[in-house]
Amino acid sequence: MTLRLGFAFSGVVFAAVAALAGCSSGPPPVDASSPEGRAAALAARAEDDVAAGRPRDALDAYRDAALLVPGKARYQERVAELRASVVTTSRAEADVALARGDSAAARRAALALVEVDPESPAGYHVLALAAEAEGKLEDAFAAAQSAHERAPADASLTEALAALALKTSRFAEAETLYGDLARDDPSLRPKQASARLEFQMQNLPASARKAVAAPRVTRAQLATLLFTLVPEVAAARVPPGGEVAIDVLDRSERAPLVRTIGLGFFTVSRETHLVGADAPVLRNEMPGHARRLAALLGSRDETCFLSSASLAVCGILPETTSRNVSGREAFAAIDATLGLSR
């Protein structure tokens, strides 16, 4: 009897121990001071921030939580979700600010974008727009360059950078950027050509730059441009014994004038012995000059050089109401003739 009571008592004790063990089978409580505990508290606070409409504060809290527990996928997911939300909201605020002309507010929103997501081009693009609106073109170019570096395949960012390169006189960079874009969008080829011409003009000798800047190009200035831009003009052998223009002798443009007179671009009056070096070049004279240049280059096709209308059709010189030709127009006409004749 005593033996049976002992076995019964032992069974009761075993059952009690088993029951206690079953009650403690869940995870032990998290120590609030441990990384996991602090991360959990940050996550809880972050969700409160989300509910209160403070996504930026929530993002910061989840970032801190993810640093404390790098292996917690949920924290990383919430960081990505909140970052995307803050970027979208800040970009919308920036767009609204730009639309109403508040560049300072747009800049603040852009800086928030950059701080939240430094590798995203969006913030830098808005910074560029805000700086351009304030007339700070160098700052705008730097920001646009940062945006382009982060998304080089984005055509809109490339075009924005190219436009700012033009505005800041970085013509070589503008030509390269527009050239890259023109491979997929041929409508941008005129901008590439314009950038190339600007780069060439930027690097002309002083006398030729002065000619390009002239609102009404003179015969002496056109001679200078032909002499500078066309090696065949500068190197041409002019036969001796031609007419001598007395209004050329003491001019700085003497060599270009003598060469172009000898090649037949200009004629010297037999009565006055003047070439009219300071006379403006008229628009209706340009077909003859272009035709002579093309012939000098060996071109036999005169289709584009027959009249002012044909010059316009071929993209050499536009038809306008002005009788005169600007230096920029003359430069572009020479360049176009070279392209068509070589």
C-alpha atoms as a PDB file:
ATOM      1  CA  MET A   1       0.000   0.000   0.000  1.00  0.00           C
ATOM      2  CA  THR A   2       2.793   2.368   0.921  1.00  0.00           C
ATOM      3  CA  LEU A   3       4.576   1.571  -2.340  1.00  0.00           C
ATOM      4  CA  ARG A   4       1.466   2.413  -4.370  1.00  0.00           C
ATOM      5  CA  LEU A   5       1.069   5.745  -2.561  1.00  0.00           C
ATOM      6  CA  GLY A   6       4.714   6.599  -3.364  1.00  0.00           C
ATOM      7  CA  PHE A   7       4.204   5.940  -7.050  1.00  0.00           C
ATOM      8  CA  ALA A   8       1.045   8.065  -7.027  1.00  0.00           C
ATOM      9  CA  PHE A   9       2.815  10.970  -5.355  1.00  0.00           C
ATOM     10  CA  SER A  10       5.663  10.763  -7.879  1.00  0.00           C
ATOM     11  CA  GLY A  11       3.138  10.877 -10.751  1.00  0.00           C
ATOM     12  CA  VAL A  12       1.545  14.010  -9.361  1.00  0.00           C
ATOM     13  CA  VAL A  13       4.924  15.718  -9.053  1.00  0.00           C
ATOM     14  CA  PHE A  14       5.884  14.725 -12.632  1.00  0.00           C
ATOM     15  CA  ALA A  15       2.586  16.068 -13.992  1.00  0.00           C
ATOM     16  CA  ALA A  16       3.092  19.362 -12.184  1.00  0.00           C
ATOM     17  CA  VAL A  17       6.581  19.736 -13.535  1.00  0.00           C
ATOM     18  CA  ALA A  18       5.361  18.933 -17.062  1.00  0.00           C
ATOM     19  CA  ALA A  19       2.608  21.522 -16.741  1.00  0.00           C
ATOM     20  CA  LEU A  20       5.067  24.190 -15.653  1.00  0.00           C
ATOM     21  CA  ALA A  21       7.338  23.310 -18.526  1.00  0.00           C
ATOM     22  CA  GLY A  22       4.428  23.611 -20.954  1.00  0.00           C
ATOM     23  CA  CYS A  23       3.605  27.112 -19.692  1.00  0.00           C
ATOM     24  CA  SER A  24       7.140  28.375 -20.424  1.00  0.00           C
ATOM     25  CA  SER A  25       7.489  26.952 -23.970  1.00  0.00           C
ATOM     26  CA  GLY A  26       7.008  30.448 -25.735  1.00  0.00           C
ATOM     27  CA  PRO A  27       9.843  32.927 -26.463  1.00  0.00           C
ATOM     28  CA  PRO A  28      11.349  34.562 -23.435  1.00  0.00           C
ATOM     29  CA  PRO A  29      10.474  38.238 -22.909  1.00  0.00           C
ATOM     30  CA  VAL A  30      12.709  40.696 -24.863  1.00  0.00           C
ATOM     31  CA  ASP A  31      15.068  42.734 -22.776  1.00  0.00           C
ATOM     32  CA  ALA A  32      14.054  46.350 -23.403  1.00  0.00           C
ATOM     33  CA  SER A  33      17.697  47.459 -23.217  1.00  0.00           C
ATOM     34  CA  SER A  34      18.886  44.965 -25.856  1.00  0.00           C
ATOM     35  CA  PRO A  35      19.254  45.963 -29.561  1.00  0.00           C
ATOM     36  CA  GLU A  36      16.114  43.978 -30.363  1.00  0.00           C
ATOM     37  CA  GLY A  37      14.157  45.656 -27.592  1.00  0.00           C
ATOM     38  CA  ARG A  38      15.255  49.151 -28.562  1.00  0.00           C
ATOM     39  CA  ALA A  39      14.515  48.405 -32.238  1.00  0.00           C
ATOM     40  CA  ALA A  40      11.018  47.190 -31.371  1.00  0.00           C
ATOM     41  CA  ALA A  41      10.361  50.379 -29.407  1.00  0.00           C
ATOM     42  CA  LEU A  42      11.581  52.479 -32.353  1.00  0.00           C
ATOM     43  CA  ALA A  43       9.328  50.550 -34.733  1.00  0.00           C
ATOM     44  CA  ALA A  44       6.322  51.110 -32.478  1.00  0.00           C
ATOM     45  CA  ARG A  45       7.101  54.818 -32.267  1.00  0.00           C
ATOM     46  CA  ALA A  46       7.523  54.934 -36.043  1.00  0.00           C
ATOM     47  CA  GLU A  47       4.058  53.527 -36.625  1.00  0.00           C
ATOM     48  CA  ASP A  48       2.670  56.177 -34.270  1.00  0.00           C
ATOM     49  CA  ASP A  49       4.439  58.797 -36.412  1.00  0.00           C
ATOM     50  CA  VAL A  50       2.879  57.340 -39.552  1.00  0.00           C
ATOM     51  CA  ALA A  51      -0.571  57.495 -37.972  1.00  0.00           C
ATOM     52  CA  ALA A  52       0.074  61.121 -36.967  1.00  0.00           C
ATOM     53  CA  GLY A  53       1.112  62.078 -40.519  1.00  0.00           C
ATOM     54  CA  ARG A  54       4.845  62.341 -39.830  1.00  0.00           C
ATOM     55  CA  PRO A  55       6.366  59.946 -42.424  1.00  0.00           C
ATOM     56  CA  ARG A  56       9.784  61.588 -42.278  1.00  0.00           C
ATOM     57  CA  ASP A  57      10.068  60.998 -38.521  1.00  0.00           C
ATOM     58  CA  ALA A  58       8.837  57.446 -39.058  1.00  0.00           C
ATOM     59  CA  LEU A  59      11.493  56.877 -41.701  1.00  0.00           C
ATOM     60  CA  ASP A  60      14.242  58.051 -39.353  1.00  0.00           C
ATOM     61  CA  ALA A  61      12.968  55.738 -36.598  1.00  0.00           C
ATOM     62  CA  TYR A  62      12.814  52.707 -38.865  1.00  0.00           C
ATOM     63  CA  ARG A  63      16.294  53.473 -40.202  1.00  0.00           C
ATOM     64  CA  ASP A  64      17.619  53.467 -36.633  1.00  0.00           C
ATOM     65  CA  ALA A  65      15.784  50.205 -35.944  1.00  0.00           C
ATOM     66  CA  ALA A  66      17.270  48.596 -39.052  1.00  0.00           C
ATOM     67  CA  LEU A  67      20.750  49.628 -37.914  1.00  0.00           C
ATOM     68  CA  LEU A  68      20.181  48.003 -34.527  1.00  0.00           C
ATOM     69  CA  VAL A  69      18.891  44.744 -36.044  1.00  0.00           C
ATOM     70  CA  PRO A  70      20.290  44.503 -39.596  1.00  0.00           C
ATOM     71  CA  GLY A  71      18.781  41.080 -40.205  1.00  0.00           C
ATOM     72  CA  LYS A  72      15.179  42.145 -39.615  1.00  0.00           C
ATOM     73  CA  ALA A  73      13.588  42.137 -43.090  1.00  0.00           C
ATOM     74  CA  ARG A  74      10.451  43.938 -41.884  1.00  0.00           C
ATOM     75  CA  TYR A  75      12.467  46.993 -40.852  1.00  0.00           C
ATOM     76  CA  GLN A  76      14.198  47.166 -44.226  1.00  0.00           C
ATOM     77  CA  GLU A  77      10.852  46.864 -46.019  1.00  0.00           C
ATOM     78  CA  ARG A  78       9.357  49.713 -44.029  1.00  0.00           C
ATOM     79  CA  VAL A  79      12.405  51.880 -44.675  1.00  0.00           C
ATOM     80  CA  ALA A  80      11.963  51.362 -48.439  1.00  0.00           C
ATOM     81  CA  GLU A  81       8.203  52.031 -48.273  1.00  0.00           C
ATOM     82  CA  LEU A  82       8.531  55.182 -46.197  1.00  0.00           C
ATOM     83  CA  ARG A  83      11.438  56.491 -48.277  1.00  0.00           C
ATOM     84  CA  ALA A  84       9.343  56.146 -51.454  1.00  0.00           C
ATOM     85  CA  SER A  85       6.452  57.924 -49.739  1.00  0.00           C
ATOM     86  CA  VAL A  86       8.608  60.837 -48.559  1.00  0.00           C
ATOM     87  CA  VAL A  87      10.234  61.172 -52.010  1.00  0.00           C
ATOM     88  CA  THR A  88       6.826  61.288 -53.706  1.00  0.00           C
ATOM     89  CA  THR A  89       5.474  63.847 -51.252  1.00  0.00           C
ATOM     90  CA  SER A  90       8.564  66.069 -51.412  1.00  0.00           C
ATOM     91  CA  ARG A  91       8.625  65.971 -55.211  1.00  0.00           C
ATOM     92  CA  ALA A  92       4.972  66.985 -55.337  1.00  0.00           C
ATOM     93  CA  GLU A  93       5.652  69.870 -52.927  1.00  0.00           C
ATOM     94  CA  ALA A  94       8.603  70.970 -55.062  1.00  0.00           C
ATOM     95  CA  ASP A  95       6.557  70.903 -58.258  1.00  0.00           C
ATOM     96  CA  VAL A  96       3.797  72.981 -56.663  1.00  0.00           C
ATOM     97  CA  ALA A  97       6.373  75.485 -55.365  1.00  0.00           C
ATOM     98  CA  LEU A  98       7.998  75.802 -58.776  1.00  0.00           C
ATOM     99  CA  ALA A  99       4.619  76.282 -60.441  1.00  0.00           C
ATOM    100  CA  ARG A 100       3.827  79.223 -58.187  1.00  0.00           C
ATOM    101  CA  GLY A 101       7.327  80.676 -58.572  1.00  0.00           C
ATOM    102  CA  ASP A 102       8.474  79.951 -55.020  1.00  0.00           C
ATOM    103  CA  SER A 103      12.007  78.760 -55.740  1.00  0.00           C
ATOM    104  CA  ALA A 104      12.989  78.906 -52.049  1.00  0.00           C
ATOM    105  CA  ALA A 105      10.257  76.428 -51.099  1.00  0.00           C
ATOM    106  CA  ALA A 106      11.173  74.263 -54.071  1.00  0.00           C
ATOM    107  CA  ARG A 107      14.791  74.245 -52.925  1.00  0.00           C
ATOM    108  CA  ARG A 108      13.785  73.178 -49.408  1.00  0.00           C
ATOM    109  CA  ALA A 109      11.719  70.320 -50.790  1.00  0.00           C
ATOM    110  CA  ALA A 110      14.585  69.327 -53.075  1.00  0.00           C
ATOM    111  CA  LEU A 111      17.074  69.300 -50.198  1.00  0.00           C
ATOM    112  CA  ALA A 112      14.678  67.068 -48.266  1.00  0.00           C
ATOM    113  CA  LEU A 113      14.623  64.744 -51.264  1.00  0.00           C
ATOM    114  CA  VAL A 114      18.413  64.625 -51.436  1.00  0.00           C
ATOM    115  CA  GLU A 115      18.688  63.986 -47.699  1.00  0.00           C
ATOM    116  CA  VAL A 116      16.148  61.160 -47.786  1.00  0.00           C
ATOM    117  CA  ASP A 117      17.480  59.502 -50.944  1.00  0.00           C
ATOM    118  CA  PRO A 118      20.941  60.823 -51.945  1.00  0.00           C
ATOM    119  CA  GLU A 119      21.239  58.379 -54.836  1.00  0.00           C
ATOM    120  CA  SER A 120      17.975  59.419 -56.465  1.00  0.00           C
ATOM    121  CA  PRO A 121      18.217  61.979 -59.296  1.00  0.00           C
ATOM    122  CA  ALA A 122      14.879  63.582 -58.390  1.00  0.00           C
ATOM    123  CA  GLY A 123      16.191  65.895 -55.679  1.00  0.00           C
ATOM    124  CA  TYR A 124      19.107  67.133 -57.766  1.00  0.00           C
ATOM    125  CA  HIS A 125      16.822  67.732 -60.746  1.00  0.00           C
ATOM    126  CA  VAL A 126      14.534  69.926 -58.651  1.00  0.00           C
ATOM    127  CA  LEU A 127      17.559  71.735 -57.202  1.00  0.00           C
ATOM    128  CA  ALA A 128      18.643  72.499 -60.761  1.00  0.00           C
ATOM    129  CA  LEU A 129      15.195  73.838 -61.663  1.00  0.00           C
ATOM    130  CA  ALA A 130      15.092  76.024 -58.550  1.00  0.00           C
ATOM    131  CA  ALA A 131      18.591  77.403 -59.131  1.00  0.00           C
ATOM    132  CA  GLU A 132      17.797  78.139 -62.782  1.00  0.00           C
ATOM    133  CA  ALA A 133      14.620  79.957 -61.749  1.00  0.00           C
ATOM    134  CA  GLU A 134      16.767  82.163 -59.500  1.00  0.00           C
ATOM    135  CA  GLY A 135      19.241  82.839 -62.305  1.00  0.00           C
ATOM    136  CA  LYS A 136      22.016  80.820 -60.632  1.00  0.00           C
ATOM    137  CA  LEU A 137      23.021  78.965 -63.769  1.00  0.00           C
ATOM    138  CA  GLU A 138      26.310  77.558 -62.487  1.00  0.00           C
ATOM    139  CA  ASP A 139      24.545  76.054 -59.461  1.00  0.00           C
ATOM    140  CA  ALA A 140      21.829  74.753 -61.768  1.00  0.00           C
ATOM    141  CA  PHE A 141      24.388  73.083 -64.024  1.00  0.00           C
ATOM    142  CA  ALA A 142      26.142  71.423 -61.061  1.00  0.00           C
ATOM    143  CA  ALA A 143      22.847  70.045 -59.736  1.00  0.00           C
ATOM    144  CA  ALA A 144      21.744  68.873 -63.191  1.00  0.00           C
ATOM    145  CA  GLN A 145      25.091  67.133 -63.607  1.00  0.00           C
ATOM    146  CA  SER A 146      24.550  65.280 -60.307  1.00  0.00           C
ATOM    147  CA  ALA A 147      21.093  64.204 -61.472  1.00  0.00           C
ATOM    148  CA  HIS A 148      22.472  63.004 -64.814  1.00  0.00           C
ATOM    149  CA  GLU A 149      25.268  61.032 -63.132  1.00  0.00           C
ATOM    150  CA  ARG A 150      22.673  59.128 -61.102  1.00  0.00           C
ATOM    151  CA  ALA A 151      20.498  58.300 -64.119  1.00  0.00           C
ATOM    152  CA  PRO A 152      22.581  58.603 -67.304  1.00  0.00           C
ATOM    153  CA  ALA A 153      19.998  56.716 -69.364  1.00  0.00           C
ATOM    154  CA  ASP A 154      17.210  59.200 -68.526  1.00  0.00           C
ATOM    155  CA  ALA A 155      16.758  61.259 -71.717  1.00  0.00           C
ATOM    156  CA  SER A 156      14.884  64.083 -69.982  1.00  0.00           C
ATOM    157  CA  LEU A 157      17.708  64.586 -67.472  1.00  0.00           C
ATOM    158  CA  THR A 158      20.283  64.466 -70.269  1.00  0.00           C
ATOM    159  CA  GLU A 159      18.396  67.090 -72.262  1.00  0.00           C
ATOM    160  CA  ALA A 160      18.058  69.320 -69.192  1.00  0.00           C
ATOM    161  CA  LEU A 161      21.813  69.090 -68.627  1.00  0.00           C
ATOM    162  CA  ALA A 162      22.504  69.826 -72.310  1.00  0.00           C
ATOM    163  CA  ALA A 163      20.310  72.937 -72.204  1.00  0.00           C
ATOM    164  CA  LEU A 164      22.163  74.218 -69.127  1.00  0.00           C
ATOM    165  CA  ALA A 165      25.487  73.424 -70.780  1.00  0.00           C
ATOM    166  CA  LEU A 166      24.452  75.778 -73.593  1.00  0.00           C
ATOM    167  CA  LYS A 167      23.341  78.471 -71.169  1.00  0.00           C
ATOM    168  CA  THR A 168      26.663  78.294 -69.309  1.00  0.00           C
ATOM    169  CA  SER A 169      28.723  78.338 -72.544  1.00  0.00           C
ATOM    170  CA  ARG A 170      29.865  74.717 -72.189  1.00  0.00           C
ATOM    171  CA  PHE A 171      29.338  74.194 -75.891  1.00  0.00           C
ATOM    172  CA  ALA A 172      31.532  71.111 -76.327  1.00  0.00           C
ATOM    173  CA  GLU A 173      29.632  69.307 -73.563  1.00  0.00           C
ATOM    174  CA  ALA A 174      26.319  70.432 -75.025  1.00  0.00           C
ATOM    175  CA  GLU A 175      27.252  69.077 -78.449  1.00  0.00           C
ATOM    176  CA  THR A 176      28.217  65.704 -76.964  1.00  0.00           C
ATOM    177  CA  LEU A 177      25.029  65.456 -74.912  1.00  0.00           C
ATOM    178  CA  TYR A 178      22.754  66.479 -77.780  1.00  0.00           C
ATOM    179  CA  GLY A 179      24.660  64.098 -80.043  1.00  0.00           C
ATOM    180  CA  ASP A 180      23.933  61.213 -77.687  1.00  0.00           C
ATOM    181  CA  LEU A 181      20.254  62.148 -77.607  1.00  0.00           C
ATOM    182  CA  ALA A 182      20.031  62.653 -81.372  1.00  0.00           C
ATOM    183  CA  ARG A 183      20.831  58.983 -81.984  1.00  0.00           C
ATOM    184  CA  ASP A 184      17.342  58.146 -80.724  1.00  0.00           C
ATOM    185  CA  ASP A 185      15.656  61.502 -81.369  1.00  0.00           C
ATOM    186  CA  PRO A 186      16.681  63.082 -84.699  1.00  0.00           C
ATOM    187  CA  SER A 187      14.670  66.211 -83.869  1.00  0.00           C
ATOM    188  CA  LEU A 188      17.540  67.231 -81.562  1.00  0.00           C
ATOM    189  CA  ARG A 189      20.131  67.322 -84.345  1.00  0.00           C
ATOM    190  CA  PRO A 190      19.631  71.069 -84.952  1.00  0.00           C
ATOM    191  CA  LYS A 191      20.451  71.710 -81.294  1.00  0.00           C
ATOM    192  CA  GLN A 192      23.573  69.567 -81.636  1.00  0.00           C
ATOM    193  CA  ALA A 193      24.589  71.560 -84.732  1.00  0.00           C
ATOM    194  CA  SER A 194      23.912  74.825 -82.907  1.00  0.00           C
ATOM    195  CA  ALA A 195      26.101  73.735 -79.991  1.00  0.00           C
ATOM    196  CA  ARG A 196      28.868  72.756 -82.396  1.00  0.00           C
ATOM    197  CA  LEU A 197      28.719  76.156 -84.104  1.00  0.00           C
ATOM    198  CA  GLU A 198      28.780  77.928 -80.756  1.00  0.00           C
ATOM    199  CA  PHE A 199      31.845  75.923 -79.765  1.00  0.00           C
ATOM    200  CA  GLN A 200      33.577  76.844 -83.011  1.00  0.00           C
ATOM    201  CA  MET A 201      32.686  80.510 -82.597  1.00  0.00           C
ATOM    202  CA  GLN A 202      33.935  80.449 -79.028  1.00  0.00           C
ATOM    203  CA  ASN A 203      37.358  79.360 -80.256  1.00  0.00           C
ATOM    204  CA  LEU A 204      37.742  81.756 -83.198  1.00  0.00           C
ATOM    205  CA  PRO A 205      40.503  84.363 -83.357  1.00  0.00           C
ATOM    206  CA  ALA A 206      39.518  87.778 -82.046  1.00  0.00           C
ATOM    207  CA  SER A 207      38.940  89.315 -85.493  1.00  0.00           C
ATOM    208  CA  ALA A 208      36.642  86.471 -86.544  1.00  0.00           C
ATOM    209  CA  ARG A 209      34.742  86.589 -83.228  1.00  0.00           C
ATOM    210  CA  LYS A 210      34.162  90.288 -83.830  1.00  0.00           C
ATOM    211  CA  ALA A 211      32.827  89.484 -87.291  1.00  0.00           C
ATOM    212  CA  VAL A 212      30.451  86.854 -85.882  1.00  0.00           C
ATOM    213  CA  ALA A 213      29.131  89.343 -83.323  1.00  0.00           C
ATOM    214  CA  ALA A 214      28.346  91.968 -85.986  1.00  0.00           C
ATOM    215  CA  PRO A 215      24.616  92.698 -86.434  1.00  0.00           C
ATOM    216  CA  ARG A 216      25.378  93.548 -90.089  1.00  0.00           C
ATOM    217  CA  VAL A 217      28.400  91.732 -91.462  1.00  0.00           C
ATOM    218  CA  THR A 218      30.580  93.786 -93.807  1.00  0.00           C
ATOM    219  CA  ARG A 219      32.572  92.617 -96.795  1.00  0.00           C
ATOM    220  CA  ALA A 220      35.784  92.862 -94.771  1.00  0.00           C
ATOM    221  CA  GLN A 221      34.225  90.752 -92.013  1.00  0.00           C
ATOM    222  CA  LEU A 222      32.879  88.152 -94.446  1.00  0.00           C
ATOM    223  CA  ALA A 223      36.348  87.967 -95.997  1.00  0.00           C
ATOM    224  CA  THR A 224      37.781  87.401 -92.507  1.00  0.00           C
ATOM    225  CA  LEU A 225      35.324  84.560 -91.838  1.00  0.00           C
ATOM    226  CA  LEU A 226      36.034  82.890 -95.183  1.00  0.00           C
ATOM    227  CA  PHE A 227      39.785  83.211 -94.642  1.00  0.00           C
ATOM    228  CA  THR A 228      39.533  81.819 -91.079  1.00  0.00           C
ATOM    229  CA  LEU A 229      37.030  79.013 -91.602  1.00  0.00           C
ATOM    230  CA  VAL A 230      38.001  77.686 -95.026  1.00  0.00           C
ATOM    231  CA  PRO A 231      41.575  76.389 -95.436  1.00  0.00           C
ATOM    232  CA  GLU A 232      41.083  76.343 -99.215  1.00  0.00           C
ATOM    233  CA  VAL A 233      40.541  80.122 -99.145  1.00  0.00           C
ATOM    234  CA  ALA A 234      43.520  80.816 -96.885  1.00  0.00           C
ATOM    235  CA  ALA A 235      45.827  78.583 -98.939  1.00  0.00           C
ATOM    236  CA  ALA A 236      44.588  79.599-102.403  1.00  0.00           C
ATOM    237  CA  ARG A 237      47.139  80.949-104.866  1.00  0.00           C
ATOM    238  CA  VAL A 238      45.931  84.262-106.198  1.00  0.00           C
ATOM    239  CA  PRO A 239      47.315  85.244-109.642  1.00  0.00           C
ATOM    240  CA  PRO A 240      49.239  88.529-109.655  1.00  0.00           C
ATOM    241  CA  GLY A 241      48.175  91.568-111.618  1.00  0.00           C
ATOM    242  CA  GLY A 242      44.646  91.870-110.252  1.00  0.00           C
ATOM    243  CA  GLU A 243      42.831  95.027-109.380  1.00  0.00           C
ATOM    244  CA  VAL A 244      44.207  96.845-106.338  1.00  0.00           C
ATOM    245  CA  ALA A 245      41.657  98.141-103.847  1.00  0.00           C
ATOM    246  CA  ILE A 246      42.974 101.264-102.196  1.00  0.00           C
ATOM    247  CA  ASP A 247      40.568 100.907 -99.253  1.00  0.00           C
ATOM    248  CA  VAL A 248      42.278  97.626 -98.328  1.00  0.00           C
ATOM    249  CA  LEU A 249      45.887  98.694 -98.074  1.00  0.00           C
ATOM    250  CA  ASP A 250      45.973  99.921 -94.474  1.00  0.00           C
ATOM    251  CA  ARG A 251      43.410  97.571 -92.956  1.00  0.00           C
ATOM    252  CA  SER A 252      43.978  94.739 -90.482  1.00  0.00           C
ATOM    253  CA  GLU A 253      41.855  92.535 -92.778  1.00  0.00           C
ATOM    254  CA  ARG A 254      44.136  93.176 -95.742  1.00  0.00           C
ATOM    255  CA  ALA A 255      45.210  89.535 -96.259  1.00  0.00           C
ATOM    256  CA  PRO A 256      41.660  88.094 -96.163  1.00  0.00           C
ATOM    257  CA  LEU A 257      40.391  90.864 -98.472  1.00  0.00           C
ATOM    258  CA  VAL A 258      43.192  90.446-101.014  1.00  0.00           C
ATOM    259  CA  ARG A 259      42.633  86.680-101.056  1.00  0.00           C
ATOM    260  CA  THR A 260      38.849  86.857-101.447  1.00  0.00           C
ATOM    261  CA  ILE A 261      39.108  89.585-104.103  1.00  0.00           C
ATOM    262  CA  GLY A 262      41.554  87.420-106.029  1.00  0.00           C
ATOM    263  CA  LEU A 263      39.169  84.450-105.774  1.00  0.00           C
ATOM    264  CA  GLY A 264      36.297  86.518-107.145  1.00  0.00           C
ATOM    265  CA  PHE A 265      34.149  86.880-104.046  1.00  0.00           C
ATOM    266  CA  PHE A 266      34.324  90.679-104.291  1.00  0.00           C
ATOM    267  CA  THR A 267      35.027  93.028-107.167  1.00  0.00           C
ATOM    268  CA  VAL A 268      37.019  96.244-107.208  1.00  0.00           C
ATOM    269  CA  SER A 269      35.539  99.269-108.955  1.00  0.00           C
ATOM    270  CA  ARG A 270      37.663 100.308-111.933  1.00  0.00           C
ATOM    271  CA  GLU A 271      36.563 103.917-111.547  1.00  0.00           C
ATOM    272  CA  THR A 272      37.148 104.375-107.802  1.00  0.00           C
ATOM    273  CA  HIS A 273      39.494 101.442-107.108  1.00  0.00           C
ATOM    274  CA  LEU A 274      37.425 100.646-104.030  1.00  0.00           C
ATOM    275  CA  VAL A 275      36.036  97.269-102.937  1.00  0.00           C
ATOM    276  CA  GLY A 276      33.692  98.732-100.338  1.00  0.00           C
ATOM    277  CA  ALA A 277      35.307  96.946 -97.401  1.00  0.00           C
ATOM    278  CA  ASP A 278      32.895  98.485 -94.904  1.00  0.00           C
ATOM    279  CA  ALA A 279      29.790  98.007 -97.027  1.00  0.00           C
ATOM    280  CA  PRO A 280      27.283  95.575 -95.540  1.00  0.00           C
ATOM    281  CA  VAL A 281      26.832  92.239 -97.270  1.00  0.00           C
ATOM    282  CA  LEU A 282      23.306  92.054 -98.676  1.00  0.00           C
ATOM    283  CA  ARG A 283      21.180  88.942 -98.362  1.00  0.00           C
ATOM    284  CA  ASN A 284      20.724  88.702-102.131  1.00  0.00           C
ATOM    285  CA  GLU A 285      24.527  88.541-102.555  1.00  0.00           C
ATOM    286  CA  MET A 286      24.830  85.380-100.468  1.00  0.00           C
ATOM    287  CA  PRO A 287      23.797  82.850-103.155  1.00  0.00           C
ATOM    288  CA  GLY A 288      26.692  84.023-105.307  1.00  0.00           C
ATOM    289  CA  HIS A 289      29.162  83.826-102.415  1.00  0.00           C
ATOM    290  CA  ALA A 290      27.938  80.348-101.429  1.00  0.00           C
ATOM    291  CA  ARG A 291      28.071  79.182-105.048  1.00  0.00           C
ATOM    292  CA  ARG A 292      31.642  80.418-105.453  1.00  0.00           C
ATOM    293  CA  LEU A 293      32.707  78.781-102.191  1.00  0.00           C
ATOM    294  CA  ALA A 294      31.129  75.472-103.217  1.00  0.00           C
ATOM    295  CA  ALA A 295      32.929  75.604-106.570  1.00  0.00           C
ATOM    296  CA  LEU A 296      36.228  76.311-104.818  1.00  0.00           C
ATOM    297  CA  LEU A 297      35.633  73.193-102.725  1.00  0.00           C
ATOM    298  CA  GLY A 298      35.035  71.105-105.843  1.00  0.00           C
ATOM    299  CA  SER A 299      31.251  70.824-105.684  1.00  0.00           C
ATOM    300  CA  ARG A 300      29.431  70.637-109.016  1.00  0.00           C
ATOM    301  CA  ASP A 301      25.919  70.626-107.603  1.00  0.00           C
ATOM    302  CA  GLU A 302      24.585  74.191-107.560  1.00  0.00           C
ATOM    303  CA  THR A 303      21.021  73.262-106.574  1.00  0.00           C
ATOM    304  CA  CYS A 304      21.283  74.754-103.102  1.00  0.00           C
ATOM    305  CA  PHE A 305      23.067  77.919-104.236  1.00  0.00           C
ATOM    306  CA  LEU A 306      20.827  79.285-106.987  1.00  0.00           C
ATOM    307  CA  SER A 307      18.803  81.818-105.007  1.00  0.00           C
ATOM    308  CA  SER A 308      17.950  83.086-101.548  1.00  0.00           C
ATOM    309  CA  ALA A 309      15.008  80.681-101.533  1.00  0.00           C
ATOM    310  CA  SER A 310      17.227  77.690-102.307  1.00  0.00           C
ATOM    311  CA  LEU A 311      19.651  78.748 -99.570  1.00  0.00           C
ATOM    312  CA  ALA A 312      16.736  78.702 -97.129  1.00  0.00           C
ATOM    313  CA  VAL A 313      15.438  75.338 -98.352  1.00  0.00           C
ATOM    314  CA  CYS A 314      18.876  73.774 -97.925  1.00  0.00           C
ATOM    315  CA  GLY A 315      19.303  75.232 -94.431  1.00  0.00           C
ATOM    316  CA  ILE A 316      22.151  77.552 -95.422  1.00  0.00           C
ATOM    317  CA  LEU A 317      20.621  80.976 -94.805  1.00  0.00           C
ATOM    318  CA  PRO A 318      17.062  81.713 -93.671  1.00  0.00           C
ATOM    319  CA  GLU A 319      14.857  84.075 -95.620  1.00  0.00           C
ATOM    320  CA  THR A 320      13.934  87.112 -93.538  1.00  0.00           C
ATOM    321  CA  THR A 321      12.651  90.615 -94.132  1.00  0.00           C
ATOM    322  CA  SER A 322      16.112  92.053 -93.429  1.00  0.00           C
ATOM    323  CA  ARG A 323      18.222  93.007 -96.446  1.00  0.00           C
ATOM    324  CA  ASN A 324      21.393  92.543 -94.428  1.00  0.00           C
ATOM    325  CA  VAL A 325      23.132  89.460 -93.038  1.00  0.00           C
ATOM    326  CA  SER A 326      24.307  89.153 -89.443  1.00  0.00           C
ATOM    327  CA  GLY A 327      27.711  87.789 -88.554  1.00  0.00           C
ATOM    328  CA  ARG A 328      26.162  84.693 -86.994  1.00  0.00           C
ATOM    329  CA  GLU A 329      24.129  84.066 -90.137  1.00  0.00           C
ATOM    330  CA  ALA A 330      27.229  84.429 -92.295  1.00  0.00           C
ATOM    331  CA  PHE A 331      29.173  82.043 -90.073  1.00  0.00           C
ATOM    332  CA  ALA A 332      26.374  79.448 -90.179  1.00  0.00           C
ATOM    333  CA  ALA A 333      26.036  79.845 -93.974  1.00  0.00           C
ATOM    334  CA  ILE A 334      29.740  79.188 -94.508  1.00  0.00           C
ATOM    335  CA  ASP A 335      29.615  76.160 -92.206  1.00  0.00           C
ATOM    336  CA  ALA A 336      26.542  74.748 -93.968  1.00  0.00           C
ATOM    337  CA  THR A 337      28.127  75.281 -97.392  1.00  0.00           C
ATOM    338  CA  LEU A 338      31.228  73.443 -96.222  1.00  0.00           C
ATOM    339  CA  GLY A 339      29.078  70.545 -95.020  1.00  0.00           C
ATOM    340  CA  LEU A 340      27.203  70.328 -98.325  1.00  0.00           C
ATOM    341  CA  SER A 341      30.265  70.683-100.548  1.00  0.00           C
ATOM    342  CA  ARG A 342      32.812  68.347 -98.965  1.00  0.00           C
END
